[in-house]
Amino acid sequence: MDTSDTDNETGPSNVLAFGDAVDLLIEKLPESGHHLFIKLHSLHHPLLGRSDFVEALKNKLVGSKRYLCHILLEEIRPGKRNIEFVKYYQRLTDYIEIRRFKADYADADRRQYVILDNDLVIWQSYEKRHDMRKFTDLHRVEDFTTAFERAWKTSERDLSLTKLYI
């Protein structure tokens, strides 16, 4: 599994600031087709704390009966920053599934990324947290999707957030 920071799409147009990357996701989310895959180290990731992203995701999920959002996390512990996301998640468990990925997988693949359908990946390097990259190359997107699906199959569903009283 390739966990390096090297890639074939390092041109200036593919490097995004975090805010620009989230804005791109918010822009593309309404027109996306079937799924959103999110792999993050923690529920405390700033993406899940952005109220505009959470609102866009909620609007997409409520407006579509077949859209799915799969989220893989290493650490699942709510905090003040992501309380809005947790509240939406508790109401939309038919559309959002959260799983905890296994420690051995977490050690092997430190990448954090978002896959929107099968045509866009926003990737955040673990070492360079403010360095976001955008991938639209089909082969690169397939690599990320395959890695996500492999981790998803070996992960365990986490129900702790559904039972949490906020």
Protein backbone atom coordinates (compact mmCIF):
# COMPACT_ATOMS: atom_id res chain seq x y z
CA MET A 1 0.00 0.00 0.00
CA ASP A 2 1.46 3.35 -1.00
CA THR A 3 1.40 5.78 1.87
CA SER A 4 4.00 8.17 0.56
CA ASP A 5 3.44 11.81 -0.20
CA THR A 6 4.55 11.42 -3.79
CA ASP A 7 2.05 11.50 -6.62
CA ASN A 8 1.70 12.31 -10.28
CA GLU A 9 -0.62 15.27 -9.74
CA THR A 10 1.55 17.74 -7.88
CA GLY A 11 0.90 20.66 -10.19
CA PRO A 12 -0.05 23.98 -8.62
CA SER A 13 -3.74 23.60 -9.49
CA ASN A 14 -3.94 20.38 -7.48
CA VAL A 15 -2.63 21.79 -4.21
CA LEU A 16 -5.37 23.39 -2.11
CA ALA A 17 -5.56 25.20 1.19
CA PHE A 18 -7.82 23.41 3.67
CA GLY A 19 -10.60 26.00 3.39
CA ASP A 20 -10.52 25.82 -0.41
CA ALA A 21 -10.68 22.02 -0.30
CA VAL A 22 -13.75 22.10 1.95
CA ASP A 23 -15.35 24.76 -0.26
CA LEU A 24 -14.78 22.49 -3.28
CA LEU A 25 -16.47 19.58 -1.49
CA ILE A 26 -19.42 21.79 -0.54
CA GLU A 27 -19.71 22.95 -4.16
CA LYS A 28 -19.56 19.41 -5.61
CA LEU A 29 -21.70 17.65 -3.00
CA PRO A 30 -25.14 18.70 -4.32
CA GLU A 31 -24.37 17.35 -7.79
CA SER A 32 -22.71 14.14 -6.61
CA GLY A 33 -24.30 10.84 -7.43
CA HIS A 34 -24.23 8.00 -4.92
CA HIS A 35 -21.68 8.13 -2.16
CA LEU A 36 -19.19 9.99 -0.06
CA PHE A 37 -16.34 8.10 1.59
CA ILE A 38 -14.44 9.86 4.36
CA LYS A 39 -11.35 8.46 6.10
CA LEU A 40 -10.01 10.53 8.98
CA HIS A 41 -7.93 9.87 12.05
CA SER A 42 -10.38 11.46 14.43
CA LEU A 43 -13.89 12.75 14.82
CA HIS A 44 -12.14 16.00 15.82
CA HIS A 45 -10.94 16.64 12.26
CA PRO A 46 -11.75 20.24 11.22
CA LEU A 47 -13.81 18.99 8.25
CA LEU A 48 -16.48 17.60 10.57
CA GLY A 49 -16.38 20.82 12.57
CA ARG A 50 -17.21 23.03 9.58
CA SER A 51 -20.90 23.87 9.92
CA ASP A 52 -21.21 24.72 6.22
CA PHE A 53 -19.91 21.25 5.27
CA VAL A 54 -22.19 19.54 7.80
CA GLU A 55 -25.16 21.53 6.47
CA ALA A 56 -24.34 20.65 2.84
CA LEU A 57 -24.01 16.98 3.78
CA LYS A 58 -27.31 17.04 5.68
CA ASN A 59 -29.08 18.67 2.70
CA LYS A 60 -27.66 16.04 0.35
CA LEU A 61 -28.64 13.13 2.60
CA VAL A 62 -32.15 14.37 3.37
CA GLY A 63 -32.83 15.19 -0.27
CA SER A 64 -31.74 11.79 -1.55
CA LYS A 65 -33.09 8.43 -0.50
CA ARG A 66 -30.15 6.44 -1.89
CA TYR A 67 -27.11 8.54 -1.05
CA LEU A 68 -24.69 6.99 1.42
CA CYS A 69 -21.95 8.50 3.51
CA HIS A 70 -19.38 6.08 4.92
CA ILE A 71 -16.94 7.44 7.48
CA LEU A 72 -13.89 5.57 8.76
CA LEU A 73 -12.25 6.90 11.91
CA GLU A 74 -9.40 5.76 14.08
CA GLU A 75 -10.66 7.63 17.13
CA ILE A 76 -14.34 8.18 17.86
CA ARG A 77 -14.77 10.62 20.69
CA PRO A 78 -17.06 13.63 20.33
CA GLY A 79 -16.02 17.11 21.38
CA LYS A 80 -17.23 20.69 21.27
CA ARG A 81 -15.91 21.27 17.74
CA ASN A 82 -18.00 18.53 16.13
CA ILE A 83 -21.15 18.52 18.25
CA GLU A 84 -23.27 19.71 15.30
CA PHE A 85 -22.05 16.81 13.15
CA VAL A 86 -22.77 14.29 15.92
CA LYS A 87 -26.34 15.62 16.29
CA TYR A 88 -26.98 15.27 12.54
CA TYR A 89 -25.42 11.83 12.53
CA GLN A 90 -27.75 10.67 15.29
CA ARG A 91 -30.76 11.72 13.21
CA LEU A 92 -29.46 10.39 9.90
CA THR A 93 -28.10 6.94 10.78
CA ASP A 94 -29.91 5.44 7.78
CA TYR A 95 -27.65 7.50 5.52
CA ILE A 96 -24.40 7.76 7.46
CA GLU A 97 -22.43 4.83 8.80
CA ILE A 98 -19.39 5.32 10.98
CA ARG A 99 -16.86 2.58 11.55
CA ARG A 100 -13.64 2.40 13.51
CA PHE A 101 -10.75 1.06 11.51
CA LYS A 102 -8.43 -1.45 13.08
CA ALA A 103 -5.15 -0.39 14.65
CA ASP A 104 -3.00 -2.43 12.28
CA TYR A 105 -4.64 -0.73 9.31
CA ALA A 106 -4.28 2.68 10.95
CA ASP A 107 -0.55 2.13 11.38
CA ALA A 108 -0.16 1.02 7.76
CA ASP A 109 -2.10 3.83 6.09
CA ARG A 110 -1.92 7.28 7.70
CA ARG A 111 -3.66 9.07 4.82
CA GLN A 112 -6.79 11.13 5.42
CA TYR A 113 -9.08 11.68 2.46
CA VAL A 114 -12.54 12.23 1.09
CA ILE A 115 -13.81 10.43 -2.03
CA LEU A 116 -16.80 11.98 -3.75
CA ASP A 117 -18.42 9.38 -6.02
CA ASN A 118 -15.66 7.88 -8.11
CA ASP A 119 -14.26 11.02 -9.65
CA LEU A 120 -12.79 13.29 -6.97
CA VAL A 121 -10.44 12.71 -4.08
CA ILE A 122 -9.37 15.37 -1.61
CA TRP A 123 -6.33 14.05 0.22
CA GLN A 124 -4.59 15.40 3.29
CA SER A 125 -1.08 14.27 4.06
CA TYR A 126 -0.58 13.14 7.64
CA GLU A 127 2.80 14.85 7.77
CA LYS A 128 1.67 18.06 6.02
CA ARG A 129 -1.70 18.79 7.57
CA HIS A 130 -2.27 22.06 5.70
CA ASP A 131 -1.30 20.53 2.36
CA MET A 132 -4.44 19.26 0.61
CA ARG A 133 -4.37 17.72 -2.84
CA LYS A 134 -7.13 17.24 -5.35
CA PHE A 135 -7.13 14.15 -7.59
CA THR A 136 -9.44 13.58 -10.53
CA ASP A 137 -7.30 11.04 -12.41
CA LEU A 138 -9.38 7.85 -12.70
CA HIS A 139 -6.55 5.50 -11.69
CA ARG A 140 -5.59 7.57 -8.67
CA VAL A 141 -9.24 7.80 -7.55
CA GLU A 142 -9.59 4.02 -7.98
CA ASP A 143 -6.49 3.47 -5.80
CA PHE A 144 -7.99 5.54 -3.00
CA THR A 145 -11.40 3.87 -3.41
CA THR A 146 -9.87 0.38 -3.29
CA ALA A 147 -7.90 1.28 -0.15
CA PHE A 148 -11.04 2.69 1.48
CA GLU A 149 -13.18 -0.33 0.60
CA ARG A 150 -10.51 -2.72 1.92
CA ALA A 151 -10.37 -0.82 5.22
CA TRP A 152 -14.18 -0.61 5.36
CA LYS A 153 -14.58 -4.39 5.02
CA THR A 154 -12.21 -5.08 7.91
CA SER A 155 -13.54 -2.33 10.17
CA GLU A 156 -16.19 -2.53 12.84
CA ARG A 157 -19.36 -0.50 13.11
CA ASP A 158 -19.32 1.90 16.02
CA LEU A 159 -22.65 2.52 17.71
CA SER A 160 -21.35 4.63 20.59
CA LEU A 161 -22.33 7.91 18.93
CA THR A 162 -25.90 6.78 18.30
CA LYS A 163 -26.39 6.19 22.03
CA LEU A 164 -24.66 9.34 23.19
CA TYR A 165 -26.91 11.90 24.86
CA ILE A 166 -26.02 15.46 23.85
